[in-house]
Amino acid sequence: MDEEIANFMLLAAKLEFFLVNLDQTFAHVDGKTRVVRGIDWDRIGQSLEVKHPFSGFDFAGSGFQLFKETTPQLLLAKEGGGLKWDSDEIEVSSWQILLGRSYAQLRNNVAHGNKAQLSAPFTHDRTREFLEAGRHLIHFLAGAHSSDDTWSYAVQFH
């Protein structure tokens, strides 16, 4: 599982850099320092809506229908201390919600957590399902914004 998570995070990082490099409006930019602080999933969702309207999209054949049907859990701080997984079970009714809540939450959970350390019955077996759906969504997003695969080239440090 560690290798699957590492590969997913590398793919997610490549996608995020590709998107902000392609169009700076896809980045959350600090107005004062101009530092890129993350991804503006709302803007990417708006861009996607123009290309692939959400209401008519074939989620069943997409490989990432899971993100439309359910959202990954949130990590919450319990009153009096401790952590727990919980869900807000919101309706995923737009690309903005699917990207900003479902996909971004998966990415946050994978990047910042280890569900094995705080297991809950409803999370068992879902990590692999979400990772697979995430990979499909990443490739779909890249393909919607690029006609080639240059976004996924090997990471180079010189």
N, C-alpha and C. Protein backbone atom coordinates (compact mmCIF):
# COMPACT_ATOMS: atom_id res chain seq x y z
N MET A 1 0.83 -1.20 0.00
CA MET A 1 0.00 0.00 0.00
C MET A 1 0.87 1.26 0.00
N ASP A 2 1.99 1.23 0.72
CA ASP A 2 2.86 2.41 0.74
C ASP A 2 3.29 2.82 -0.67
N GLU A 3 3.63 1.84 -1.50
CA GLU A 3 4.07 2.14 -2.86
C GLU A 3 2.92 2.69 -3.69
N GLU A 4 1.71 2.14 -3.51
CA GLU A 4 0.55 2.66 -4.23
C GLU A 4 0.28 4.11 -3.86
N ILE A 5 0.40 4.41 -2.59
CA ILE A 5 0.18 5.79 -2.11
C ILE A 5 1.26 6.71 -2.65
N ALA A 6 2.51 6.27 -2.62
CA ALA A 6 3.61 7.09 -3.14
C ALA A 6 3.42 7.38 -4.63
N ASN A 7 3.03 6.36 -5.39
CA ASN A 7 2.80 6.55 -6.83
C ASN A 7 1.62 7.49 -7.09
N PHE A 8 0.57 7.36 -6.28
CA PHE A 8 -0.57 8.26 -6.43
C PHE A 8 -0.16 9.70 -6.13
N MET A 9 0.59 9.92 -5.07
CA MET A 9 0.99 11.28 -4.71
C MET A 9 1.91 11.89 -5.77
N LEU A 10 2.78 11.09 -6.36
CA LEU A 10 3.64 11.59 -7.43
C LEU A 10 2.79 11.99 -8.64
N LEU A 11 1.83 11.17 -8.99
CA LEU A 11 0.94 11.48 -10.10
C LEU A 11 0.13 12.75 -9.81
N ALA A 12 -0.39 12.87 -8.58
CA ALA A 12 -1.16 14.05 -8.19
C ALA A 12 -0.29 15.31 -8.24
N ALA A 13 0.95 15.21 -7.78
CA ALA A 13 1.86 16.36 -7.81
C ALA A 13 2.15 16.78 -9.24
N LYS A 14 2.36 15.80 -10.13
CA LYS A 14 2.61 16.12 -11.54
C LYS A 14 1.42 16.83 -12.14
N LEU A 15 0.21 16.35 -11.83
CA LEU A 15 -1.00 16.98 -12.35
C LEU A 15 -1.12 18.42 -11.85
N GLU A 16 -0.91 18.62 -10.56
CA GLU A 16 -1.07 19.95 -9.99
C GLU A 16 -0.08 20.94 -10.59
N PHE A 17 1.18 20.53 -10.74
CA PHE A 17 2.16 21.42 -11.36
C PHE A 17 1.79 21.70 -12.81
N PHE A 18 1.40 20.65 -13.53
CA PHE A 18 0.99 20.83 -14.91
C PHE A 18 -0.14 21.85 -15.02
N LEU A 19 -1.16 21.74 -14.17
CA LEU A 19 -2.31 22.63 -14.26
C LEU A 19 -1.94 24.08 -13.96
N VAL A 20 -1.15 24.32 -12.90
CA VAL A 20 -0.81 25.72 -12.59
C VAL A 20 0.20 26.29 -13.58
N ASN A 21 1.02 25.44 -14.16
CA ASN A 21 1.95 25.87 -15.19
C ASN A 21 1.21 26.18 -16.50
N LEU A 22 0.17 25.42 -16.78
CA LEU A 22 -0.64 25.61 -17.97
C LEU A 22 -1.44 26.91 -17.89
N ASP A 23 -2.04 27.16 -16.72
CA ASP A 23 -2.92 28.31 -16.54
C ASP A 23 -2.82 28.78 -15.09
N GLN A 24 -2.19 29.92 -14.90
CA GLN A 24 -1.94 30.41 -13.55
C GLN A 24 -3.23 30.68 -12.78
N THR A 25 -4.36 30.87 -13.48
CA THR A 25 -5.61 31.07 -12.75
C THR A 25 -6.08 29.80 -12.06
N PHE A 26 -5.46 28.67 -12.37
CA PHE A 26 -5.77 27.41 -11.69
C PHE A 26 -5.07 27.30 -10.33
N ALA A 27 -4.26 28.28 -9.98
CA ALA A 27 -3.51 28.25 -8.72
C ALA A 27 -4.13 29.21 -7.71
N HIS A 28 -4.06 28.81 -6.44
CA HIS A 28 -4.32 29.76 -5.36
C HIS A 28 -3.00 30.49 -5.15
N VAL A 29 -2.99 31.79 -5.42
CA VAL A 29 -1.78 32.59 -5.33
C VAL A 29 -1.96 33.61 -4.22
N ASP A 30 -0.98 33.68 -3.31
CA ASP A 30 -0.99 34.69 -2.26
C ASP A 30 -0.89 36.07 -2.90
N GLY A 31 -1.87 36.90 -2.65
CA GLY A 31 -1.93 38.21 -3.29
C GLY A 31 -0.76 39.12 -2.96
N LYS A 32 -0.18 38.93 -1.81
CA LYS A 32 0.93 39.79 -1.39
C LYS A 32 2.28 39.26 -1.85
N THR A 33 2.54 38.01 -1.61
CA THR A 33 3.86 37.43 -1.90
C THR A 33 3.94 36.78 -3.28
N ARG A 34 2.77 36.49 -3.91
CA ARG A 34 2.67 35.80 -5.20
C ARG A 34 3.08 34.33 -5.11
N VAL A 35 3.21 33.80 -3.91
CA VAL A 35 3.54 32.39 -3.70
C VAL A 35 2.31 31.54 -4.04
N VAL A 36 2.52 30.50 -4.82
CA VAL A 36 1.45 29.55 -5.12
C VAL A 36 1.20 28.71 -3.87
N ARG A 37 -0.02 28.75 -3.37
CA ARG A 37 -0.39 28.05 -2.13
C ARG A 37 -1.24 26.81 -2.36
N GLY A 38 -1.52 26.50 -3.58
CA GLY A 38 -2.33 25.32 -3.85
C GLY A 38 -3.08 25.45 -5.16
N ILE A 39 -4.11 24.66 -5.27
CA ILE A 39 -4.89 24.56 -6.50
C ILE A 39 -6.26 25.19 -6.27
N ASP A 40 -6.74 25.92 -7.26
CA ASP A 40 -8.09 26.48 -7.22
C ASP A 40 -9.01 25.50 -7.93
N TRP A 41 -9.53 24.55 -7.18
CA TRP A 41 -10.36 23.50 -7.77
C TRP A 41 -11.65 24.06 -8.36
N ASP A 42 -12.14 25.17 -7.83
CA ASP A 42 -13.34 25.79 -8.41
C ASP A 42 -13.07 26.22 -9.85
N ARG A 43 -11.94 26.86 -10.08
CA ARG A 43 -11.62 27.31 -11.45
C ARG A 43 -11.43 26.13 -12.39
N ILE A 44 -10.78 25.09 -11.89
CA ILE A 44 -10.59 23.91 -12.74
C ILE A 44 -11.95 23.27 -13.02
N GLY A 45 -12.81 23.24 -12.02
CA GLY A 45 -14.17 22.72 -12.22
C GLY A 45 -14.94 23.53 -13.24
N GLN A 46 -14.81 24.85 -13.19
CA GLN A 46 -15.47 25.70 -14.17
C GLN A 46 -14.95 25.43 -15.58
N SER A 47 -13.64 25.26 -15.70
CA SER A 47 -13.03 24.94 -16.99
C SER A 47 -13.55 23.60 -17.51
N LEU A 48 -13.65 22.64 -16.62
CA LEU A 48 -14.12 21.31 -16.99
C LEU A 48 -15.59 21.34 -17.42
N GLU A 49 -16.38 22.17 -16.76
CA GLU A 49 -17.81 22.28 -17.09
C GLU A 49 -18.01 22.73 -18.53
N VAL A 50 -17.14 23.60 -19.02
CA VAL A 50 -17.23 24.07 -20.40
C VAL A 50 -16.95 22.92 -21.37
N LYS A 51 -15.99 22.09 -21.02
CA LYS A 51 -15.57 21.00 -21.92
C LYS A 51 -16.45 19.76 -21.79
N HIS A 52 -16.86 19.46 -20.56
CA HIS A 52 -17.63 18.24 -20.26
C HIS A 52 -18.72 18.58 -19.25
N PRO A 53 -19.88 19.05 -19.70
CA PRO A 53 -20.94 19.44 -18.75
C PRO A 53 -21.26 18.32 -17.76
N PHE A 54 -21.27 18.67 -16.49
CA PHE A 54 -21.45 17.72 -15.40
C PHE A 54 -22.77 16.96 -15.53
N SER A 55 -23.83 17.68 -15.85
CA SER A 55 -25.16 17.07 -15.87
C SER A 55 -25.30 15.94 -16.88
N GLY A 56 -24.54 15.98 -17.97
CA GLY A 56 -24.65 14.93 -18.98
C GLY A 56 -23.45 14.00 -19.03
N PHE A 57 -22.54 14.13 -18.08
CA PHE A 57 -21.32 13.36 -18.13
C PHE A 57 -21.58 11.89 -17.80
N ASP A 58 -20.89 10.97 -18.50
CA ASP A 58 -21.01 9.52 -18.29
C ASP A 58 -20.10 9.08 -17.14
N PHE A 59 -20.58 9.23 -15.91
CA PHE A 59 -19.78 8.83 -14.76
C PHE A 59 -19.62 7.32 -14.68
N ALA A 60 -20.62 6.57 -15.13
CA ALA A 60 -20.56 5.11 -15.05
C ALA A 60 -19.36 4.57 -15.81
N GLY A 61 -18.99 5.18 -16.92
CA GLY A 61 -17.87 4.71 -17.73
C GLY A 61 -16.57 5.43 -17.45
N SER A 62 -16.55 6.30 -16.46
CA SER A 62 -15.39 7.17 -16.23
C SER A 62 -14.26 6.55 -15.42
N GLY A 63 -14.59 5.60 -14.57
CA GLY A 63 -13.59 5.05 -13.66
C GLY A 63 -13.50 5.83 -12.36
N PHE A 64 -14.21 6.97 -12.26
CA PHE A 64 -14.18 7.75 -11.02
C PHE A 64 -15.59 8.10 -10.53
N GLN A 65 -16.55 7.26 -10.85
CA GLN A 65 -17.92 7.45 -10.38
C GLN A 65 -17.99 7.48 -8.85
N LEU A 66 -17.06 6.79 -8.21
CA LEU A 66 -17.01 6.76 -6.75
C LEU A 66 -17.01 8.17 -6.16
N PHE A 67 -16.32 9.11 -6.82
CA PHE A 67 -16.26 10.48 -6.30
C PHE A 67 -17.60 11.20 -6.40
N LYS A 68 -18.45 10.77 -7.30
CA LYS A 68 -19.78 11.36 -7.41
C LYS A 68 -20.74 10.75 -6.40
N GLU A 69 -20.53 9.48 -6.10
CA GLU A 69 -21.45 8.76 -5.22
C GLU A 69 -21.14 8.93 -3.74
N THR A 70 -19.89 9.18 -3.42
CA THR A 70 -19.52 9.32 -2.01
C THR A 70 -18.29 10.21 -1.89
N THR A 71 -18.10 10.78 -0.74
CA THR A 71 -16.93 11.63 -0.51
C THR A 71 -16.04 10.98 0.55
N PRO A 72 -14.74 11.13 0.42
CA PRO A 72 -13.85 10.60 1.45
C PRO A 72 -14.12 11.28 2.80
N GLN A 73 -13.84 10.57 3.88
CA GLN A 73 -14.07 11.10 5.21
C GLN A 73 -13.14 12.27 5.52
N LEU A 74 -13.61 13.09 6.44
CA LEU A 74 -12.82 14.19 6.99
C LEU A 74 -12.20 13.72 8.30
N LEU A 75 -11.02 14.21 8.62
CA LEU A 75 -10.40 13.93 9.91
C LEU A 75 -10.81 15.04 10.86
N LEU A 76 -11.47 14.68 11.94
CA LEU A 76 -11.98 15.66 12.90
C LEU A 76 -11.30 15.51 14.26
N ALA A 77 -11.14 16.63 14.94
CA ALA A 77 -10.65 16.64 16.32
C ALA A 77 -11.87 16.49 17.24
N LYS A 78 -11.84 15.48 18.10
CA LYS A 78 -12.95 15.24 19.02
C LYS A 78 -12.87 16.21 20.19
N GLU A 79 -14.04 16.55 20.73
CA GLU A 79 -14.09 17.35 21.97
C GLU A 79 -13.34 16.59 23.05
N GLY A 80 -12.47 17.24 23.75
CA GLY A 80 -11.72 16.60 24.82
C GLY A 80 -10.47 15.89 24.35
N GLY A 81 -10.17 15.94 23.06
CA GLY A 81 -8.95 15.33 22.54
C GLY A 81 -9.20 14.10 21.70
N GLY A 82 -8.24 13.78 20.89
CA GLY A 82 -8.33 12.62 20.01
C GLY A 82 -8.84 12.99 18.64
N LEU A 83 -8.77 12.03 17.74
CA LEU A 83 -9.19 12.23 16.36
C LEU A 83 -10.21 11.18 15.97
N LYS A 84 -11.03 11.51 14.98
CA LYS A 84 -11.96 10.53 14.43
C LYS A 84 -12.22 10.85 12.97
N TRP A 85 -12.61 9.82 12.20
CA TRP A 85 -13.02 10.00 10.82
C TRP A 85 -14.52 10.23 10.81
N ASP A 86 -14.96 11.15 9.98
CA ASP A 86 -16.39 11.42 9.85
C ASP A 86 -16.67 11.87 8.42
N SER A 87 -17.92 11.92 8.07
CA SER A 87 -18.29 12.32 6.72
C SER A 87 -19.43 13.31 6.78
N ASP A 88 -19.44 14.25 5.84
CA ASP A 88 -20.53 15.20 5.77
C ASP A 88 -21.58 14.78 4.74
N GLU A 89 -21.30 13.73 4.00
CA GLU A 89 -22.24 13.16 3.01
C GLU A 89 -22.96 14.23 2.21
N ILE A 90 -22.20 15.12 1.60
CA ILE A 90 -22.78 16.16 0.77
C ILE A 90 -23.13 15.59 -0.61
N GLU A 91 -24.06 16.24 -1.28
CA GLU A 91 -24.40 15.83 -2.64
C GLU A 91 -23.36 16.38 -3.60
N VAL A 92 -22.80 15.52 -4.39
CA VAL A 92 -21.81 15.93 -5.38
C VAL A 92 -22.58 16.25 -6.66
N SER A 93 -22.81 17.54 -6.87
CA SER A 93 -23.70 17.98 -7.96
C SER A 93 -23.01 18.88 -8.98
N SER A 94 -21.68 19.01 -8.90
CA SER A 94 -20.94 19.84 -9.86
C SER A 94 -19.48 19.39 -9.87
N TRP A 95 -18.78 19.81 -10.93
CA TRP A 95 -17.35 19.52 -10.99
C TRP A 95 -16.62 20.19 -9.83
N GLN A 96 -17.06 21.40 -9.45
CA GLN A 96 -16.40 22.11 -8.37
C GLN A 96 -16.47 21.31 -7.07
N ILE A 97 -17.63 20.73 -6.77
CA ILE A 97 -17.77 19.93 -5.55
C ILE A 97 -16.97 18.64 -5.68
N LEU A 98 -17.08 17.98 -6.84
CA LEU A 98 -16.36 16.72 -7.03
C LEU A 98 -14.85 16.93 -6.86
N LEU A 99 -14.32 17.99 -7.44
CA LEU A 99 -12.88 18.24 -7.35
C LEU A 99 -12.49 18.82 -5.99
N GLY A 100 -13.22 19.81 -5.54
CA GLY A 100 -12.84 20.53 -4.32
C GLY A 100 -13.14 19.80 -3.03
N ARG A 101 -14.10 18.89 -3.06
CA ARG A 101 -14.42 18.14 -1.84
C ARG A 101 -13.99 16.69 -1.97
N SER A 102 -14.45 15.99 -2.99
CA SER A 102 -14.16 14.56 -3.09
C SER A 102 -12.70 14.29 -3.42
N TYR A 103 -12.22 14.81 -4.56
CA TYR A 103 -10.84 14.53 -4.94
C TYR A 103 -9.84 15.20 -3.99
N ALA A 104 -10.04 16.47 -3.68
CA ALA A 104 -9.10 17.18 -2.81
C ALA A 104 -9.03 16.52 -1.43
N GLN A 105 -10.16 16.00 -0.93
CA GLN A 105 -10.14 15.33 0.37
C GLN A 105 -9.35 14.03 0.30
N LEU A 106 -9.51 13.28 -0.77
CA LEU A 106 -8.69 12.07 -0.94
C LEU A 106 -7.22 12.43 -0.94
N ARG A 107 -6.85 13.44 -1.72
CA ARG A 107 -5.46 13.86 -1.81
C ARG A 107 -4.93 14.28 -0.44
N ASN A 108 -5.73 15.04 0.31
CA ASN A 108 -5.32 15.45 1.66
C ASN A 108 -5.17 14.25 2.58
N ASN A 109 -6.12 13.34 2.53
CA ASN A 109 -6.05 12.16 3.40
C ASN A 109 -4.81 11.32 3.10
N VAL A 110 -4.52 11.15 1.83
CA VAL A 110 -3.37 10.34 1.43
C VAL A 110 -2.07 11.05 1.80
N ALA A 111 -2.02 12.35 1.55
CA ALA A 111 -0.79 13.11 1.81
C ALA A 111 -0.52 13.29 3.29
N HIS A 112 -1.55 13.41 4.09
CA HIS A 112 -1.36 13.83 5.49
C HIS A 112 -1.78 12.80 6.52
N GLY A 113 -2.21 11.65 6.09
CA GLY A 113 -2.72 10.71 7.08
C GLY A 113 -2.34 9.28 6.81
N ASN A 114 -2.62 8.45 7.79
CA ASN A 114 -2.43 7.01 7.67
C ASN A 114 -3.63 6.38 8.34
N LYS A 115 -4.61 5.99 7.54
CA LYS A 115 -5.84 5.45 8.11
C LYS A 115 -5.60 4.17 8.90
N ALA A 116 -4.50 3.49 8.64
CA ALA A 116 -4.20 2.29 9.42
C ALA A 116 -3.93 2.63 10.88
N GLN A 117 -3.48 3.85 11.15
CA GLN A 117 -3.23 4.26 12.54
C GLN A 117 -4.51 4.66 13.25
N LEU A 118 -5.55 4.97 12.49
CA LEU A 118 -6.84 5.38 13.07
C LEU A 118 -7.93 4.73 12.24
N SER A 119 -7.99 3.42 12.36
CA SER A 119 -8.89 2.64 11.52
C SER A 119 -10.34 2.78 11.98
N ALA A 120 -11.25 2.69 11.03
CA ALA A 120 -12.68 2.66 11.31
C ALA A 120 -13.31 1.68 10.34
N PRO A 121 -14.36 0.95 10.78
CA PRO A 121 -14.94 -0.08 9.92
C PRO A 121 -15.34 0.43 8.53
N PHE A 122 -15.87 1.65 8.44
CA PHE A 122 -16.33 2.14 7.15
C PHE A 122 -15.20 2.56 6.23
N THR A 123 -13.96 2.56 6.70
CA THR A 123 -12.85 2.93 5.83
C THR A 123 -12.13 1.72 5.26
N HIS A 124 -12.40 0.54 5.80
CA HIS A 124 -11.71 -0.66 5.32
C HIS A 124 -11.97 -0.88 3.84
N ASP A 125 -10.93 -1.19 3.12
CA ASP A 125 -10.98 -1.51 1.68
C ASP A 125 -11.29 -0.31 0.78
N ARG A 126 -11.62 0.83 1.33
CA ARG A 126 -11.97 1.97 0.49
C ARG A 126 -10.75 2.71 -0.02
N THR A 127 -9.61 2.61 0.67
CA THR A 127 -8.43 3.34 0.24
C THR A 127 -8.04 2.94 -1.18
N ARG A 128 -7.97 1.65 -1.45
CA ARG A 128 -7.60 1.20 -2.80
C ARG A 128 -8.63 1.64 -3.84
N GLU A 129 -9.91 1.58 -3.49
CA GLU A 129 -10.95 2.02 -4.42
C GLU A 129 -10.81 3.51 -4.74
N PHE A 130 -10.57 4.31 -3.71
CA PHE A 130 -10.41 5.75 -3.93
C PHE A 130 -9.13 6.05 -4.71
N LEU A 131 -8.04 5.34 -4.42
CA LEU A 131 -6.81 5.57 -5.17
C LEU A 131 -7.01 5.26 -6.65
N GLU A 132 -7.68 4.18 -6.95
CA GLU A 132 -7.94 3.82 -8.35
C GLU A 132 -8.82 4.87 -9.01
N ALA A 133 -9.88 5.29 -8.35
CA ALA A 133 -10.74 6.34 -8.89
C ALA A 133 -9.95 7.64 -9.07
N GLY A 134 -9.06 7.93 -8.13
CA GLY A 134 -8.23 9.13 -8.21
C GLY A 134 -7.32 9.11 -9.41
N ARG A 135 -6.73 7.96 -9.70
CA ARG A 135 -5.87 7.84 -10.89
C ARG A 135 -6.67 8.09 -12.17
N HIS A 136 -7.86 7.52 -12.23
CA HIS A 136 -8.71 7.75 -13.41
C HIS A 136 -9.06 9.23 -13.54
N LEU A 137 -9.40 9.87 -12.44
CA LEU A 137 -9.76 11.28 -12.48
C LEU A 137 -8.57 12.15 -12.88
N ILE A 138 -7.40 11.84 -12.37
CA ILE A 138 -6.19 12.59 -12.73
C ILE A 138 -5.94 12.52 -14.23
N HIS A 139 -6.01 11.34 -14.80
CA HIS A 139 -5.78 11.19 -16.23
C HIS A 139 -6.87 11.89 -17.05
N PHE A 140 -8.10 11.85 -16.55
CA PHE A 140 -9.18 12.56 -17.23
C PHE A 140 -8.93 14.07 -17.21
N LEU A 141 -8.57 14.62 -16.06
CA LEU A 141 -8.30 16.06 -15.95
C LEU A 141 -7.17 16.49 -16.87
N ALA A 142 -6.10 15.72 -16.86
CA ALA A 142 -4.97 16.05 -17.73
C ALA A 142 -5.37 16.00 -19.19
N GLY A 143 -6.10 14.97 -19.57
CA GLY A 143 -6.54 14.83 -20.95
C GLY A 143 -7.50 15.92 -21.38
N ALA A 144 -8.29 16.41 -20.45
CA ALA A 144 -9.24 17.49 -20.76
C ALA A 144 -8.52 18.81 -21.01
N HIS A 145 -7.29 18.93 -20.50
CA HIS A 145 -6.56 20.19 -20.62
C HIS A 145 -5.31 20.08 -21.50
N SER A 146 -5.02 18.90 -22.03
CA SER A 146 -3.84 18.71 -22.85
C SER A 146 -4.09 17.63 -23.88
N SER A 147 -3.56 17.82 -25.06
CA SER A 147 -3.75 16.83 -26.12
C SER A 147 -2.64 15.78 -26.14
N ASP A 148 -1.66 15.92 -25.26
CA ASP A 148 -0.58 14.92 -25.21
C ASP A 148 -0.28 14.56 -23.76
N ASP A 149 0.73 13.72 -23.56
CA ASP A 149 1.03 13.25 -22.21
C ASP A 149 2.26 13.92 -21.60
N THR A 150 2.61 15.10 -22.08
CA THR A 150 3.79 15.77 -21.54
C THR A 150 3.65 16.09 -20.05
N TRP A 151 2.42 16.19 -19.56
CA TRP A 151 2.20 16.49 -18.15
C TRP A 151 2.76 15.40 -17.24
N SER A 152 2.86 14.19 -17.72
CA SER A 152 3.27 13.08 -16.86
C SER A 152 4.71 12.64 -17.07
N TYR A 153 5.51 13.46 -17.73
CA TYR A 153 6.92 13.11 -17.90
C TYR A 153 7.59 12.89 -16.55
N ALA A 154 8.68 12.17 -16.57
CA ALA A 154 9.42 11.89 -15.34
C ALA A 154 9.87 13.18 -14.69
N VAL A 155 9.85 13.21 -13.37
CA VAL A 155 10.30 14.38 -12.61
C VAL A 155 11.82 14.49 -12.78
N GLN A 156 12.28 15.69 -13.10
CA GLN A 156 13.71 15.93 -13.31
C GLN A 156 14.21 17.00 -12.35
N PHE A 157 15.28 16.73 -11.68
CA PHE A 157 15.93 17.73 -10.82
C PHE A 157 17.37 17.89 -11.30
N HIS A 158 17.74 19.08 -11.69
CA HIS A 158 19.10 19.35 -12.17
C HIS A 158 19.75 20.38 -11.28
